[in-house]
N, C-alpha and C. Protein backbone atom coordinates (compact mmCIF):
# COMPACT_ATOMS: atom_id res chain seq x y z
N MET A 1 39.41 -27.04 -1.05
CA MET A 1 38.50 -25.93 -1.25
C MET A 1 37.40 -26.02 -0.19
N VAL A 2 37.18 -24.88 0.49
CA VAL A 2 36.17 -24.81 1.54
C VAL A 2 34.96 -24.07 1.00
N LYS A 3 33.84 -24.66 1.18
CA LYS A 3 32.59 -24.04 0.72
C LYS A 3 31.94 -23.32 1.90
N GLU A 4 31.71 -22.04 1.70
CA GLU A 4 31.06 -21.25 2.76
C GLU A 4 29.55 -21.37 2.64
N THR A 5 28.94 -21.53 3.77
CA THR A 5 27.48 -21.56 3.79
C THR A 5 26.99 -20.37 4.59
N THR A 6 26.01 -19.75 4.08
CA THR A 6 25.41 -18.63 4.80
C THR A 6 23.98 -18.99 5.12
N GLN A 7 23.61 -18.65 6.30
CA GLN A 7 22.24 -18.89 6.71
C GLN A 7 21.46 -17.60 6.59
N GLN A 8 20.33 -17.71 5.97
CA GLN A 8 19.45 -16.56 5.88
C GLN A 8 18.51 -16.59 7.07
N VAL A 9 18.38 -15.45 7.69
CA VAL A 9 17.44 -15.34 8.79
C VAL A 9 16.09 -14.96 8.21
N ILE A 10 15.14 -15.82 8.41
CA ILE A 10 13.80 -15.56 7.89
C ILE A 10 12.96 -15.00 9.03
N PRO A 11 12.47 -13.77 8.85
CA PRO A 11 11.64 -13.19 9.92
C PRO A 11 10.35 -13.98 10.08
N PRO A 12 9.82 -14.00 11.29
CA PRO A 12 8.57 -14.72 11.50
C PRO A 12 7.42 -14.05 10.75
N THR A 13 6.53 -14.85 10.24
CA THR A 13 5.38 -14.27 9.56
C THR A 13 4.33 -13.87 10.59
N ILE A 14 3.64 -12.82 10.27
CA ILE A 14 2.60 -12.31 11.15
C ILE A 14 1.28 -12.47 10.43
N ASP A 15 0.33 -13.07 11.10
CA ASP A 15 -0.94 -13.36 10.46
C ASP A 15 -2.08 -12.50 11.00
N TYR A 16 -1.74 -11.30 11.43
CA TYR A 16 -2.77 -10.41 11.95
C TYR A 16 -2.37 -8.96 11.70
N LEU A 17 -3.36 -8.08 11.79
CA LEU A 17 -3.12 -6.64 11.76
C LEU A 17 -3.25 -6.12 13.18
N LEU A 18 -2.37 -5.22 13.55
CA LEU A 18 -2.41 -4.58 14.87
C LEU A 18 -2.40 -3.08 14.66
N PHE A 19 -3.43 -2.42 15.15
CA PHE A 19 -3.50 -0.97 15.05
C PHE A 19 -4.37 -0.46 16.19
N TYR A 20 -4.48 0.84 16.30
CA TYR A 20 -5.25 1.47 17.37
C TYR A 20 -6.31 2.36 16.73
N VAL A 21 -7.49 2.36 17.33
CA VAL A 21 -8.57 3.24 16.89
C VAL A 21 -9.06 4.00 18.11
N ASN A 22 -8.90 5.31 18.07
CA ASN A 22 -9.32 6.18 19.18
C ASN A 22 -8.75 5.70 20.52
N GLY A 23 -7.49 5.27 20.50
CA GLY A 23 -6.80 4.87 21.72
C GLY A 23 -6.99 3.43 22.15
N LYS A 24 -7.81 2.67 21.43
CA LYS A 24 -8.06 1.27 21.79
C LYS A 24 -7.35 0.35 20.81
N GLN A 25 -6.67 -0.65 21.33
CA GLN A 25 -5.96 -1.60 20.50
C GLN A 25 -6.94 -2.49 19.74
N VAL A 26 -6.64 -2.70 18.45
CA VAL A 26 -7.44 -3.58 17.61
C VAL A 26 -6.50 -4.62 16.99
N ILE A 27 -6.85 -5.88 17.15
CA ILE A 27 -6.11 -6.97 16.51
C ILE A 27 -7.09 -7.70 15.61
N GLU A 28 -6.78 -7.74 14.32
CA GLU A 28 -7.67 -8.40 13.35
C GLU A 28 -6.92 -9.57 12.72
N HIS A 29 -7.42 -10.77 12.97
CA HIS A 29 -6.77 -11.98 12.45
C HIS A 29 -7.32 -12.41 11.09
N ASN A 30 -8.49 -11.94 10.73
CA ASN A 30 -9.14 -12.41 9.51
C ASN A 30 -9.47 -11.28 8.56
N ALA A 31 -8.52 -10.41 8.32
CA ALA A 31 -8.77 -9.27 7.43
C ALA A 31 -8.89 -9.75 5.99
N GLU A 32 -9.87 -9.25 5.31
CA GLU A 32 -10.05 -9.54 3.89
C GLU A 32 -9.31 -8.47 3.08
N PRO A 33 -8.71 -8.84 1.98
CA PRO A 33 -7.92 -7.87 1.20
C PRO A 33 -8.74 -6.75 0.58
N ASP A 34 -10.03 -6.95 0.41
CA ASP A 34 -10.85 -5.91 -0.21
C ASP A 34 -11.54 -4.99 0.80
N TRP A 35 -11.31 -5.19 2.10
CA TRP A 35 -11.91 -4.32 3.11
C TRP A 35 -11.23 -2.96 3.09
N THR A 36 -12.04 -1.91 3.09
CA THR A 36 -11.49 -0.57 3.26
C THR A 36 -11.53 -0.22 4.74
N LEU A 37 -10.77 0.78 5.10
CA LEU A 37 -10.78 1.24 6.49
C LEU A 37 -12.18 1.70 6.88
N LEU A 38 -12.86 2.40 6.00
CA LEU A 38 -14.21 2.88 6.31
C LEU A 38 -15.16 1.71 6.56
N TRP A 39 -15.11 0.69 5.71
CA TRP A 39 -15.98 -0.46 5.90
C TRP A 39 -15.71 -1.10 7.26
N TYR A 40 -14.45 -1.24 7.62
CA TYR A 40 -14.09 -1.87 8.89
C TYR A 40 -14.57 -1.03 10.08
N LEU A 41 -14.34 0.27 10.01
CA LEU A 41 -14.77 1.15 11.12
C LEU A 41 -16.27 1.05 11.33
N ARG A 42 -17.03 1.09 10.25
CA ARG A 42 -18.49 1.11 10.37
C ARG A 42 -19.09 -0.27 10.66
N ASN A 43 -18.58 -1.32 10.01
CA ASN A 43 -19.21 -2.64 10.10
C ASN A 43 -18.63 -3.54 11.17
N LYS A 44 -17.36 -3.42 11.46
CA LYS A 44 -16.75 -4.29 12.47
C LYS A 44 -16.66 -3.60 13.84
N LEU A 45 -16.33 -2.31 13.83
CA LEU A 45 -16.16 -1.59 15.11
C LEU A 45 -17.38 -0.75 15.49
N ASN A 46 -18.37 -0.70 14.63
CA ASN A 46 -19.60 0.08 14.88
C ASN A 46 -19.32 1.56 15.17
N LEU A 47 -18.32 2.11 14.51
CA LEU A 47 -18.02 3.54 14.60
C LEU A 47 -18.59 4.19 13.35
N THR A 48 -19.74 4.80 13.49
CA THR A 48 -20.48 5.29 12.32
C THR A 48 -20.37 6.79 12.09
N GLY A 49 -19.45 7.44 12.78
CA GLY A 49 -19.28 8.88 12.58
C GLY A 49 -18.72 9.23 11.22
N SER A 50 -17.82 8.41 10.71
CA SER A 50 -17.30 8.60 9.36
C SER A 50 -18.30 8.01 8.38
N LYS A 51 -18.64 8.78 7.38
CA LYS A 51 -19.72 8.40 6.45
C LYS A 51 -19.17 8.05 5.08
N LEU A 52 -19.94 7.26 4.35
CA LEU A 52 -19.65 7.03 2.94
C LEU A 52 -20.46 8.04 2.14
N GLY A 53 -19.76 8.99 1.56
CA GLY A 53 -20.43 10.01 0.75
C GLY A 53 -20.32 9.66 -0.72
N CYS A 54 -19.25 10.11 -1.33
CA CYS A 54 -19.08 9.89 -2.76
C CYS A 54 -18.39 8.57 -3.09
N GLY A 55 -17.62 8.02 -2.17
CA GLY A 55 -16.89 6.78 -2.43
C GLY A 55 -15.70 6.95 -3.34
N GLU A 56 -15.35 8.20 -3.64
CA GLU A 56 -14.23 8.49 -4.55
C GLU A 56 -13.18 9.39 -3.92
N GLY A 57 -13.36 9.75 -2.65
CA GLY A 57 -12.37 10.58 -1.97
C GLY A 57 -12.53 12.07 -2.19
N GLY A 58 -13.62 12.50 -2.78
CA GLY A 58 -13.80 13.91 -3.09
C GLY A 58 -14.56 14.72 -2.06
N CYS A 59 -15.44 14.09 -1.29
CA CYS A 59 -16.33 14.86 -0.42
C CYS A 59 -15.77 15.04 1.00
N GLY A 60 -14.94 14.12 1.47
CA GLY A 60 -14.36 14.25 2.80
C GLY A 60 -15.21 13.73 3.94
N ALA A 61 -16.35 13.13 3.64
CA ALA A 61 -17.23 12.63 4.71
C ALA A 61 -16.60 11.47 5.48
N CYS A 62 -15.62 10.83 4.90
CA CYS A 62 -15.01 9.65 5.52
C CYS A 62 -13.61 9.95 6.08
N THR A 63 -13.23 11.20 6.17
CA THR A 63 -11.87 11.57 6.56
C THR A 63 -11.55 11.15 7.99
N VAL A 64 -10.39 10.53 8.17
CA VAL A 64 -9.88 10.15 9.49
C VAL A 64 -8.43 10.62 9.59
N LEU A 65 -7.94 10.70 10.82
CA LEU A 65 -6.54 11.06 11.06
C LEU A 65 -5.76 9.78 11.33
N ILE A 66 -4.64 9.62 10.66
CA ILE A 66 -3.78 8.46 10.89
C ILE A 66 -2.43 8.96 11.37
N SER A 67 -1.98 8.41 12.50
CA SER A 67 -0.66 8.73 13.05
C SER A 67 0.20 7.48 12.95
N GLN A 68 1.46 7.70 12.54
CA GLN A 68 2.37 6.58 12.37
C GLN A 68 3.75 6.99 12.85
N CYS A 69 4.41 6.09 13.56
CA CYS A 69 5.77 6.34 14.02
C CYS A 69 6.72 6.16 12.85
N ILE A 70 7.46 7.21 12.53
CA ILE A 70 8.39 7.18 11.41
C ILE A 70 9.77 6.72 11.87
N ASN A 71 10.18 7.16 13.05
CA ASN A 71 11.51 6.81 13.57
C ASN A 71 11.37 6.41 15.03
N ARG A 72 11.58 5.15 15.32
CA ARG A 72 11.41 4.66 16.69
C ARG A 72 12.47 5.21 17.64
N HIS A 73 13.64 5.53 17.12
CA HIS A 73 14.72 6.03 17.98
C HIS A 73 14.45 7.46 18.45
N THR A 74 13.92 8.29 17.56
CA THR A 74 13.65 9.68 17.92
C THR A 74 12.21 9.89 18.37
N GLY A 75 11.35 8.92 18.08
CA GLY A 75 9.94 9.08 18.43
C GLY A 75 9.18 9.97 17.46
N HIS A 76 9.76 10.25 16.30
CA HIS A 76 9.13 11.13 15.32
C HIS A 76 7.85 10.49 14.78
N LEU A 77 6.75 11.21 14.85
CA LEU A 77 5.46 10.75 14.37
C LEU A 77 5.05 11.54 13.14
N GLU A 78 4.34 10.88 12.26
CA GLU A 78 3.75 11.55 11.11
C GLU A 78 2.24 11.47 11.24
N HIS A 79 1.57 12.59 11.09
CA HIS A 79 0.12 12.66 11.16
C HIS A 79 -0.40 13.05 9.78
N ARG A 80 -1.38 12.32 9.30
CA ARG A 80 -1.95 12.67 8.00
C ARG A 80 -3.44 12.31 7.99
N THR A 81 -4.16 13.03 7.19
CA THR A 81 -5.57 12.70 7.02
C THR A 81 -5.71 11.86 5.76
N VAL A 82 -6.61 10.90 5.82
CA VAL A 82 -6.86 10.05 4.66
C VAL A 82 -8.36 9.88 4.48
N ASN A 83 -8.74 9.55 3.28
CA ASN A 83 -10.12 9.20 2.98
C ASN A 83 -10.27 7.71 3.28
N ALA A 84 -10.99 7.40 4.33
CA ALA A 84 -11.12 6.01 4.76
C ALA A 84 -11.84 5.15 3.74
N CYS A 85 -12.60 5.76 2.85
CA CYS A 85 -13.30 4.98 1.83
C CYS A 85 -12.34 4.44 0.77
N LEU A 86 -11.15 5.02 0.70
CA LEU A 86 -10.16 4.59 -0.29
C LEU A 86 -9.00 3.81 0.32
N ALA A 87 -8.80 3.92 1.62
CA ALA A 87 -7.65 3.30 2.28
C ALA A 87 -7.90 1.82 2.55
N PRO A 88 -7.05 0.94 2.02
CA PRO A 88 -7.19 -0.48 2.36
C PRO A 88 -6.93 -0.69 3.85
N LEU A 89 -7.66 -1.57 4.47
CA LEU A 89 -7.47 -1.84 5.89
C LEU A 89 -6.03 -2.25 6.17
N CYS A 90 -5.44 -3.02 5.30
CA CYS A 90 -4.06 -3.50 5.51
C CYS A 90 -3.05 -2.36 5.56
N SER A 91 -3.39 -1.19 5.06
CA SER A 91 -2.44 -0.07 5.04
C SER A 91 -2.29 0.60 6.40
N VAL A 92 -3.13 0.26 7.37
CA VAL A 92 -3.07 0.92 8.67
C VAL A 92 -2.41 0.05 9.75
N ASP A 93 -1.79 -1.05 9.36
CA ASP A 93 -1.10 -1.90 10.32
C ASP A 93 -0.03 -1.09 11.04
N GLY A 94 -0.05 -1.09 12.36
CA GLY A 94 0.92 -0.35 13.17
C GLY A 94 0.60 1.11 13.36
N CYS A 95 -0.54 1.57 12.88
CA CYS A 95 -0.91 2.98 12.97
C CYS A 95 -1.93 3.22 14.08
N HIS A 96 -2.19 4.51 14.33
CA HIS A 96 -3.25 4.93 15.25
C HIS A 96 -4.23 5.76 14.44
N ILE A 97 -5.47 5.34 14.43
CA ILE A 97 -6.51 6.04 13.68
C ILE A 97 -7.39 6.81 14.67
N VAL A 98 -7.66 8.06 14.32
CA VAL A 98 -8.57 8.87 15.14
C VAL A 98 -9.75 9.23 14.23
N THR A 99 -10.95 8.87 14.71
CA THR A 99 -12.17 9.16 13.97
C THR A 99 -12.89 10.35 14.60
N VAL A 100 -13.98 10.74 13.99
CA VAL A 100 -14.76 11.87 14.49
C VAL A 100 -15.41 11.56 15.83
N GLU A 101 -15.57 10.29 16.18
CA GLU A 101 -16.17 9.95 17.48
C GLU A 101 -15.28 10.47 18.57
């Protein structure tokens, strides 16, 4: 009796976030899980055009545009607006964010 062994390929772990803000590459190695996109834009990148209004996503003062590649083979992009006060920073990994600046 021959026993088959299969090797699982374990993808490398990535310990950073990579995204773009207004055309500039941002690499964050020490992202905290409770950071929102708005907090990061204002406190880490000093982009203060997006404001904290209601903090509940109702007023739109913190709205940013997020572009994400949906299909790398066709180059299809998805553009959507989000309330940066509600979006976790970790949710924008691999995206391009455009702010009011």
